[in-house]
Amino acid sequence: MSLKLKGFGFDDVYVCPHNLNEGCSCRKPNIGMLIEAQQKYHLNLEKCVVIGDRWSDIVAANKVGSIKILVKTGAGESSSMNTLIN
């Protein structure tokens, strides 16, 4: 999957390999992957866009002040604004 996305102009792709119960810092809504990308590429996360199809993507983006885009396909179809806000 990462090679396909890099073909569309993405510099990198980050995927959490952990299960929900493992308590890692990279599984969203934790911000570990965003911080890793920030450090690797010297990013200002407030000028970055996080595109996701789950409420946890949007919450993580909000925690670091990034621009948020919820894609309403796949898992995003069942995400509601009430879930995102609360």
PDB file of N, CA and C in Angstrom:
ATOM      1  N   MET A   1       0.816  -1.192   0.000  1.00  0.00           N
ATOM      2  CA  MET A   1       0.000   0.000   0.000  1.00  0.00           C
ATOM      3  C   MET A   1       0.861   1.258   0.000  1.00  0.00           C
ATOM      4  N   SER A   2       1.925   1.300   0.765  1.00  0.00           N
ATOM      5  CA  SER A   2       2.726   2.517   0.857  1.00  0.00           C
ATOM      6  C   SER A   2       3.352   2.892  -0.486  1.00  0.00           C
ATOM      7  N   LEU A   3       3.747   1.921  -1.282  1.00  0.00           N
ATOM      8  CA  LEU A   3       4.320   2.238  -2.592  1.00  0.00           C
ATOM      9  C   LEU A   3       3.283   2.881  -3.502  1.00  0.00           C
ATOM     10  N   LYS A   4       2.038   2.432  -3.432  1.00  0.00           N
ATOM     11  CA  LYS A   4       0.975   3.031  -4.232  1.00  0.00           C
ATOM     12  C   LYS A   4       0.756   4.482  -3.843  1.00  0.00           C
ATOM     13  N   LEU A   5       0.719   4.771  -2.549  1.00  0.00           N
ATOM     14  CA  LEU A   5       0.501   6.138  -2.087  1.00  0.00           C
ATOM     15  C   LEU A   5       1.676   7.041  -2.417  1.00  0.00           C
ATOM     16  N   LYS A   6       2.882   6.520  -2.341  1.00  0.00           N
ATOM     17  CA  LYS A   6       4.051   7.321  -2.705  1.00  0.00           C
ATOM     18  C   LYS A   6       3.995   7.702  -4.178  1.00  0.00           C
ATOM     19  N   GLY A   7       3.394   6.871  -5.002  1.00  0.00           N
ATOM     20  CA  GLY A   7       3.211   7.187  -6.406  1.00  0.00           C
ATOM     21  C   GLY A   7       2.274   8.368  -6.637  1.00  0.00           C
ATOM     22  N   PHE A   8       1.455   8.700  -5.638  1.00  0.00           N
ATOM     23  CA  PHE A   8       0.548   9.839  -5.727  1.00  0.00           C
ATOM     24  C   PHE A   8       1.152  11.098  -5.128  1.00  0.00           C
ATOM     25  N   GLY A   9       2.415  11.062  -4.748  1.00  0.00           N
ATOM     26  CA  GLY A   9       3.082  12.253  -4.242  1.00  0.00           C
ATOM     27  C   GLY A   9       3.236  12.307  -2.733  1.00  0.00           C
ATOM     28  N   PHE A  10       2.840  11.276  -2.022  1.00  0.00           N
ATOM     29  CA  PHE A  10       3.046  11.244  -0.582  1.00  0.00           C
ATOM     30  C   PHE A  10       4.514  10.950  -0.295  1.00  0.00           C
ATOM     31  N   ASP A  11       5.073  11.625   0.701  1.00  0.00           N
ATOM     32  CA  ASP A  11       6.473  11.399   1.067  1.00  0.00           C
ATOM     33  C   ASP A  11       6.660  10.127   1.882  1.00  0.00           C
ATOM     34  N   ASP A  12       5.648   9.779   2.656  1.00  0.00           N
ATOM     35  CA  ASP A  12       5.778   8.631   3.539  1.00  0.00           C
ATOM     36  C   ASP A  12       4.389   8.168   3.945  1.00  0.00           C
ATOM     37  N   VAL A  13       4.311   6.958   4.463  1.00  0.00           N
ATOM     38  CA  VAL A  13       3.069   6.394   4.957  1.00  0.00           C
ATOM     39  C   VAL A  13       3.365   5.778   6.314  1.00  0.00           C
ATOM     40  N   TYR A  14       2.532   6.075   7.297  1.00  0.00           N
ATOM     41  CA  TYR A  14       2.708   5.549   8.648  1.00  0.00           C
ATOM     42  C   TYR A  14       1.511   4.680   8.998  1.00  0.00           C
ATOM     43  N   VAL A  15       1.795   3.471   9.482  1.00  0.00           N
ATOM     44  CA  VAL A  15       0.752   2.534   9.867  1.00  0.00           C
ATOM     45  C   VAL A  15       1.124   1.954  11.229  1.00  0.00           C
ATOM     46  N   CYS A  16       0.189   1.991  12.156  1.00  0.00           N
ATOM     47  CA  CYS A  16       0.411   1.390  13.472  1.00  0.00           C
ATOM     48  C   CYS A  16       0.241  -0.122  13.360  1.00  0.00           C
ATOM     49  N   PRO A  17       1.265  -0.891  13.752  1.00  0.00           N
ATOM     50  CA  PRO A  17       1.176  -2.354  13.648  1.00  0.00           C
ATOM     51  C   PRO A  17       0.588  -3.013  14.901  1.00  0.00           C
ATOM     52  N   HIS A  18       0.216  -2.203  15.893  1.00  0.00           N
ATOM     53  CA  HIS A  18      -0.201  -2.744  17.187  1.00  0.00           C
ATOM     54  C   HIS A  18      -1.703  -2.991  17.271  1.00  0.00           C
ATOM     55  N   ASN A  19      -2.071  -3.875  18.184  1.00  0.00           N
ATOM     56  CA  ASN A  19      -3.476  -4.112  18.487  1.00  0.00           C
ATOM     57  C   ASN A  19      -3.982  -3.031  19.427  1.00  0.00           C
ATOM     58  N   LEU A  20      -5.281  -2.854  19.464  1.00  0.00           N
ATOM     59  CA  LEU A  20      -5.907  -1.837  20.299  1.00  0.00           C
ATOM     60  C   LEU A  20      -5.499  -1.951  21.764  1.00  0.00           C
ATOM     61  N   ASN A  21      -5.348  -3.159  22.264  1.00  0.00           N
ATOM     62  CA  ASN A  21      -5.069  -3.385  23.689  1.00  0.00           C
ATOM     63  C   ASN A  21      -3.604  -3.230  24.073  1.00  0.00           C
ATOM     64  N   GLU A  22      -2.720  -2.965  23.120  1.00  0.00           N
ATOM     65  CA  GLU A  22      -1.287  -2.910  23.421  1.00  0.00           C
ATOM     66  C   GLU A  22      -0.854  -1.595  24.051  1.00  0.00           C
ATOM     67  N   GLY A  23      -1.666  -0.557  23.970  1.00  0.00           N
ATOM     68  CA  GLY A  23      -1.348   0.703  24.633  1.00  0.00           C
ATOM     69  C   GLY A  23      -0.165   1.451  24.046  1.00  0.00           C
ATOM     70  N   CYS A  24       0.051   1.360  22.759  1.00  0.00           N
ATOM     71  CA  CYS A  24       1.185   2.039  22.128  1.00  0.00           C
ATOM     72  C   CYS A  24       0.887   3.532  21.962  1.00  0.00           C
ATOM     73  N   SER A  25       1.902   4.295  21.656  1.00  0.00           N
ATOM     74  CA  SER A  25       1.718   5.742  21.453  1.00  0.00           C
ATOM     75  C   SER A  25       1.394   6.081  20.004  1.00  0.00           C
ATOM     76  N   CYS A  26       1.482   5.095  19.117  1.00  0.00           N
ATOM     77  CA  CYS A  26       1.272   5.400  17.702  1.00  0.00           C
ATOM     78  C   CYS A  26      -0.149   5.132  17.227  1.00  0.00           C
ATOM     79  N   ARG A  27      -0.909   4.347  17.953  1.00  0.00           N
ATOM     80  CA  ARG A  27      -2.280   4.038  17.507  1.00  0.00           C
ATOM     81  C   ARG A  27      -3.183   5.233  17.778  1.00  0.00           C
ATOM     82  N   LYS A  28      -3.791   5.735  16.716  1.00  0.00           N
ATOM     83  CA  LYS A  28      -4.659   6.892  16.861  1.00  0.00           C
ATOM     84  C   LYS A  28      -5.890   6.517  17.689  1.00  0.00           C
ATOM     85  N   PRO A  29      -6.344   7.414  18.539  1.00  0.00           N
ATOM     86  CA  PRO A  29      -6.147   8.853  18.520  1.00  0.00           C
ATOM     87  C   PRO A  29      -4.879   9.352  19.210  1.00  0.00           C
ATOM     88  N   ASN A  30      -3.955   8.459  19.595  1.00  0.00           N
ATOM     89  CA  ASN A  30      -2.650   8.930  20.089  1.00  0.00           C
ATOM     90  C   ASN A  30      -1.904   9.580  18.930  1.00  0.00           C
ATOM     91  N   ILE A  31      -0.907  10.369  19.244  1.00  0.00           N
ATOM     92  CA  ILE A  31      -0.262  11.192  18.215  1.00  0.00           C
ATOM     93  C   ILE A  31       1.152  10.749  17.859  1.00  0.00           C
ATOM     94  N   GLY A  32       1.537   9.560  18.274  1.00  0.00           N
ATOM     95  CA  GLY A  32       2.903   9.090  18.053  1.00  0.00           C
ATOM     96  C   GLY A  32       3.365   9.121  16.607  1.00  0.00           C
ATOM     97  N   MET A  33       2.512   8.683  15.677  1.00  0.00           N
ATOM     98  CA  MET A  33       2.911   8.670  14.261  1.00  0.00           C
ATOM     99  C   MET A  33       3.041  10.095  13.722  1.00  0.00           C
ATOM    100  N   LEU A  34       2.175  10.986  14.183  1.00  0.00           N
ATOM    101  CA  LEU A  34       2.270  12.383  13.727  1.00  0.00           C
ATOM    102  C   LEU A  34       3.556  13.036  14.232  1.00  0.00           C
ATOM    103  N   ILE A  35       3.909  12.750  15.478  1.00  0.00           N
ATOM    104  CA  ILE A  35       5.153  13.297  16.038  1.00  0.00           C
ATOM    105  C   ILE A  35       6.367  12.700  15.329  1.00  0.00           C
ATOM    106  N   GLU A  36       6.310  11.410  15.009  1.00  0.00           N
ATOM    107  CA  GLU A  36       7.412  10.770  14.274  1.00  0.00           C
ATOM    108  C   GLU A  36       7.617  11.448  12.917  1.00  0.00           C
ATOM    109  N   ALA A  37       6.534  11.706  12.213  1.00  0.00           N
ATOM    110  CA  ALA A  37       6.639  12.381  10.915  1.00  0.00           C
ATOM    111  C   ALA A  37       7.136  13.814  11.088  1.00  0.00           C
ATOM    112  N   GLN A  38       6.664  14.480  12.139  1.00  0.00           N
ATOM    113  CA  GLN A  38       7.103  15.853  12.413  1.00  0.00           C
ATOM    114  C   GLN A  38       8.619  15.908  12.605  1.00  0.00           C
ATOM    115  N   GLN A  39       9.138  14.984  13.379  1.00  0.00           N
ATOM    116  CA  GLN A  39      10.573  14.966  13.650  1.00  0.00           C
ATOM    117  C   GLN A  39      11.383  14.562  12.420  1.00  0.00           C
ATOM    118  N   LYS A  40      10.905  13.577  11.683  1.00  0.00           N
ATOM    119  CA  LYS A  40      11.639  13.082  10.510  1.00  0.00           C
ATOM    120  C   LYS A  40      11.726  14.139   9.412  1.00  0.00           C
ATOM    121  N   TYR A  41      10.629  14.874   9.208  1.00  0.00           N
ATOM    122  CA  TYR A  41      10.567  15.825   8.099  1.00  0.00           C
ATOM    123  C   TYR A  41      10.564  17.290   8.537  1.00  0.00           C
ATOM    124  N   HIS A  42      10.790  17.537   9.834  1.00  0.00           N
ATOM    125  CA  HIS A  42      10.830  18.907  10.378  1.00  0.00           C
ATOM    126  C   HIS A  42       9.560  19.675  10.014  1.00  0.00           C
ATOM    127  N   LEU A  43       8.420  19.080  10.331  1.00  0.00           N
ATOM    128  CA  LEU A  43       7.129  19.638   9.947  1.00  0.00           C
ATOM    129  C   LEU A  43       6.566  20.563  11.015  1.00  0.00           C
ATOM    130  N   ASN A  44       5.816  21.539  10.581  1.00  0.00           N
ATOM    131  CA  ASN A  44       4.955  22.318  11.453  1.00  0.00           C
ATOM    132  C   ASN A  44       3.583  21.675  11.313  1.00  0.00           C
ATOM    133  N   LEU A  45       3.172  20.904  12.307  1.00  0.00           N
ATOM    134  CA  LEU A  45       1.938  20.131  12.191  1.00  0.00           C
ATOM    135  C   LEU A  45       0.695  21.004  12.032  1.00  0.00           C
ATOM    136  N   GLU A  46       0.780  22.259  12.439  1.00  0.00           N
ATOM    137  CA  GLU A  46      -0.360  23.161  12.258  1.00  0.00           C
ATOM    138  C   GLU A  46      -0.549  23.540  10.789  1.00  0.00           C
ATOM    139  N   LYS A  47       0.449  23.259   9.961  1.00  0.00           N
ATOM    140  CA  LYS A  47       0.348  23.525   8.525  1.00  0.00           C
ATOM    141  C   LYS A  47       0.180  22.238   7.723  1.00  0.00           C
ATOM    142  N   CYS A  48      -0.046  21.124   8.425  1.00  0.00           N
ATOM    143  CA  CYS A  48      -0.211  19.833   7.773  1.00  0.00           C
ATOM    144  C   CYS A  48      -1.686  19.439   7.739  1.00  0.00           C
ATOM    145  N   VAL A  49      -1.999  18.556   6.821  1.00  0.00           N
ATOM    146  CA  VAL A  49      -3.356  18.042   6.670  1.00  0.00           C
ATOM    147  C   VAL A  49      -3.349  16.562   7.017  1.00  0.00           C
ATOM    148  N   VAL A  50      -4.288  16.162   7.866  1.00  0.00           N
ATOM    149  CA  VAL A  50      -4.487  14.756   8.174  1.00  0.00           C
ATOM    150  C   VAL A  50      -5.793  14.340   7.503  1.00  0.00           C
ATOM    151  N   ILE A  51      -5.689  13.353   6.621  1.00  0.00           N
ATOM    152  CA  ILE A  51      -6.853  12.833   5.914  1.00  0.00           C
ATOM    153  C   ILE A  51      -7.136  11.448   6.480  1.00  0.00           C
ATOM    154  N   GLY A  52      -8.348  11.262   6.973  1.00  0.00           N
ATOM    155  CA  GLY A  52      -8.665   9.973   7.567  1.00  0.00           C
ATOM    156  C   GLY A  52     -10.102   9.569   7.349  1.00  0.00           C
ATOM    157  N   ASP A  53     -10.350   8.286   7.562  1.00  0.00           N
ATOM    158  CA  ASP A  53     -11.709   7.780   7.409  1.00  0.00           C
ATOM    159  C   ASP A  53     -12.284   7.287   8.733  1.00  0.00           C
ATOM    160  N   ARG A  54     -11.642   7.623   9.824  1.00  0.00           N
ATOM    161  CA  ARG A  54     -12.118   7.207  11.148  1.00  0.00           C
ATOM    162  C   ARG A  54     -12.075   8.403  12.107  1.00  0.00           C
ATOM    163  N   TRP A  55     -12.934   8.351  13.099  1.00  0.00           N
ATOM    164  CA  TRP A  55     -12.974   9.430  14.081  1.00  0.00           C
ATOM    165  C   TRP A  55     -11.627   9.579  14.784  1.00  0.00           C
ATOM    166  N   SER A  56     -10.912   8.469  14.971  1.00  0.00           N
ATOM    167  CA  SER A  56      -9.631   8.525  15.671  1.00  0.00           C
ATOM    168  C   SER A  56      -8.589   9.319  14.879  1.00  0.00           C
ATOM    169  N   ASP A  57      -8.671   9.307  13.555  1.00  0.00           N
ATOM    170  CA  ASP A  57      -7.772  10.111  12.722  1.00  0.00           C
ATOM    171  C   ASP A  57      -8.019  11.596  12.983  1.00  0.00           C
ATOM    172  N   ILE A  58      -9.287  11.959  13.066  1.00  0.00           N
ATOM    173  CA  ILE A  58      -9.664  13.357  13.246  1.00  0.00           C
ATOM    174  C   ILE A  58      -9.289  13.847  14.646  1.00  0.00           C
ATOM    175  N   VAL A  59      -9.479  13.007  15.645  1.00  0.00           N
ATOM    176  CA  VAL A  59      -9.101  13.370  17.017  1.00  0.00           C
ATOM    177  C   VAL A  59      -7.593  13.569  17.123  1.00  0.00           C
ATOM    178  N   ALA A  60      -6.816  12.682  16.525  1.00  0.00           N
ATOM    179  CA  ALA A  60      -5.352  12.824  16.556  1.00  0.00           C
ATOM    180  C   ALA A  60      -4.925  14.119  15.875  1.00  0.00           C
ATOM    181  N   ALA A  61      -5.517  14.414  14.729  1.00  0.00           N
ATOM    182  CA  ALA A  61      -5.189  15.653  14.019  1.00  0.00           C
ATOM    183  C   ALA A  61      -5.534  16.869  14.866  1.00  0.00           C
ATOM    184  N   ASN A  62      -6.653  16.807  15.553  1.00  0.00           N
ATOM    185  CA  ASN A  62      -7.070  17.916  16.406  1.00  0.00           C
ATOM    186  C   ASN A  62      -6.094  18.134  17.554  1.00  0.00           C
ATOM    187  N   LYS A  63      -5.577  17.052  18.129  1.00  0.00           N
ATOM    188  CA  LYS A  63      -4.644  17.145  19.254  1.00  0.00           C
ATOM    189  C   LYS A  63      -3.372  17.906  18.890  1.00  0.00           C
ATOM    190  N   VAL A  64      -2.935  17.812  17.639  1.00  0.00           N
ATOM    191  CA  VAL A  64      -1.693  18.478  17.228  1.00  0.00           C
ATOM    192  C   VAL A  64      -1.955  19.760  16.428  1.00  0.00           C
ATOM    193  N   GLY A  65      -3.225  20.105  16.253  1.00  0.00           N
ATOM    194  CA  GLY A  65      -3.570  21.344  15.564  1.00  0.00           C
ATOM    195  C   GLY A  65      -3.513  21.278  14.052  1.00  0.00           C
ATOM    196  N   SER A  66      -3.536  20.069  13.496  1.00  0.00           N
ATOM    197  CA  SER A  66      -3.494  19.923  12.037  1.00  0.00           C
ATOM    198  C   SER A  66      -4.868  20.188  11.418  1.00  0.00           C
ATOM    199  N   ILE A  67      -4.856  20.456  10.136  1.00  0.00           N
ATOM    200  CA  ILE A  67      -6.086  20.558   9.371  1.00  0.00           C
ATOM    201  C   ILE A  67      -6.638  19.145   9.232  1.00  0.00           C
ATOM    202  N   LYS A  68      -7.948  19.003   9.387  1.00  0.00           N
ATOM    203  CA  LYS A  68      -8.565  17.675   9.401  1.00  0.00           C
ATOM    204  C   LYS A  68      -9.516  17.507   8.228  1.00  0.00           C
ATOM    205  N   ILE A  69      -9.410  16.349   7.569  1.00  0.00           N
ATOM    206  CA  ILE A  69     -10.354  16.001   6.506  1.00  0.00           C
ATOM    207  C   ILE A  69     -10.851  14.595   6.772  1.00  0.00           C
ATOM    208  N   LEU A  70     -12.175  14.473   6.960  1.00  0.00           N
ATOM    209  CA  LEU A  70     -12.791  13.161   7.131  1.00  0.00           C
ATOM    210  C   LEU A  70     -13.290  12.691   5.781  1.00  0.00           C
ATOM    211  N   VAL A  71     -12.755  11.576   5.327  1.00  0.00           N
ATOM    212  CA  VAL A  71     -13.179  10.972   4.069  1.00  0.00           C
ATOM    213  C   VAL A  71     -14.382  10.091   4.391  1.00  0.00           C
ATOM    214  N   LYS A  72     -15.499  10.383   3.769  1.00  0.00           N
ATOM    215  CA  LYS A  72     -16.735   9.668   4.102  1.00  0.00           C
ATOM    216  C   LYS A  72     -16.943   8.454   3.204  1.00  0.00           C
ATOM    217  N   THR A  73     -15.876   7.692   3.023  1.00  0.00           N
ATOM    218  CA  THR A  73     -15.955   6.408   2.339  1.00  0.00           C
ATOM    219  C   THR A  73     -15.357   5.381   3.281  1.00  0.00           C
ATOM    220  N   GLY A  74     -15.572   4.140   3.036  1.00  0.00           N
ATOM    221  CA  GLY A  74     -15.034   3.115   3.926  1.00  0.00           C
ATOM    222  C   GLY A  74     -15.558   3.316   5.333  1.00  0.00           C
ATOM    223  N   ALA A  75     -14.680   3.332   6.314  1.00  0.00           N
ATOM    224  CA  ALA A  75     -15.085   3.504   7.709  1.00  0.00           C
ATOM    225  C   ALA A  75     -15.685   4.881   7.954  1.00  0.00           C
ATOM    226  N   GLY A  76     -15.324   5.870   7.148  1.00  0.00           N
ATOM    227  CA  GLY A  76     -15.832   7.232   7.321  1.00  0.00           C
ATOM    228  C   GLY A  76     -17.310   7.365   7.098  1.00  0.00           C
ATOM    229  N   GLU A  77     -17.902   6.433   6.362  1.00  0.00           N
ATOM    230  CA  GLU A  77     -19.340   6.473   6.115  1.00  0.00           C
ATOM    231  C   GLU A  77     -20.131   6.379   7.415  1.00  0.00           C
ATOM    232  N   SER A  78     -19.630   5.613   8.366  1.00  0.00           N
ATOM    233  CA  SER A  78     -20.364   5.424   9.607  1.00  0.00           C
ATOM    234  C   SER A  78     -19.961   6.420  10.694  1.00  0.00           C
ATOM    235  N   SER A  79     -18.967   7.277  10.427  1.00  0.00           N
ATOM    236  CA  SER A  79     -18.562   8.288  11.397  1.00  0.00           C
ATOM    237  C   SER A  79     -19.558   9.429  11.353  1.00  0.00           C
ATOM    238  N   SER A  80     -20.009   9.839  12.516  1.00  0.00           N
ATOM    239  CA  SER A  80     -20.941  10.948  12.573  1.00  0.00           C
ATOM    240  C   SER A  80     -20.277  12.130  13.247  1.00  0.00           C
ATOM    241  N   MET A  81     -20.798  13.317  12.990  1.00  0.00           N
ATOM    242  CA  MET A  81     -20.240  14.511  13.619  1.00  0.00           C
ATOM    243  C   MET A  81     -20.397  14.450  15.136  1.00  0.00           C
ATOM    244  N   ASN A  82     -21.458  13.837  15.649  1.00  0.00           N
ATOM    245  CA  ASN A  82     -21.629  13.709  17.086  1.00  0.00           C
ATOM    246  C   ASN A  82     -20.509  12.875  17.693  1.00  0.00           C
ATOM    247  N   THR A  83     -20.096  11.827  17.008  1.00  0.00           N
ATOM    248  CA  THR A  83     -19.000  10.996  17.485  1.00  0.00           C
ATOM    249  C   THR A  83     -17.703  11.783  17.481  1.00  0.00           C
ATOM    250  N   LEU A  84     -17.485  12.596  16.460  1.00  0.00           N
ATOM    251  CA  LEU A  84     -16.239  13.351  16.340  1.00  0.00           C
ATOM    252  C   LEU A  84     -16.154  14.453  17.385  1.00  0.00           C
ATOM    253  N   ILE A  85     -17.262  15.073  17.696  1.00  0.00           N
ATOM    254  CA  ILE A  85     -17.266  16.213  18.609  1.00  0.00           C
ATOM    255  C   ILE A  85     -17.187  15.756  20.052  1.00  0.00           C
ATOM    256  N   ASN A  86     -17.841  14.666  20.400  1.00  0.00           N
ATOM    257  CA  ASN A  86     -17.910  14.234  21.799  1.00  0.00           C
ATOM    258  C   ASN A  86     -16.757  13.386  22.204  1.00  0.00           C
TER     259      ASN A  86
END
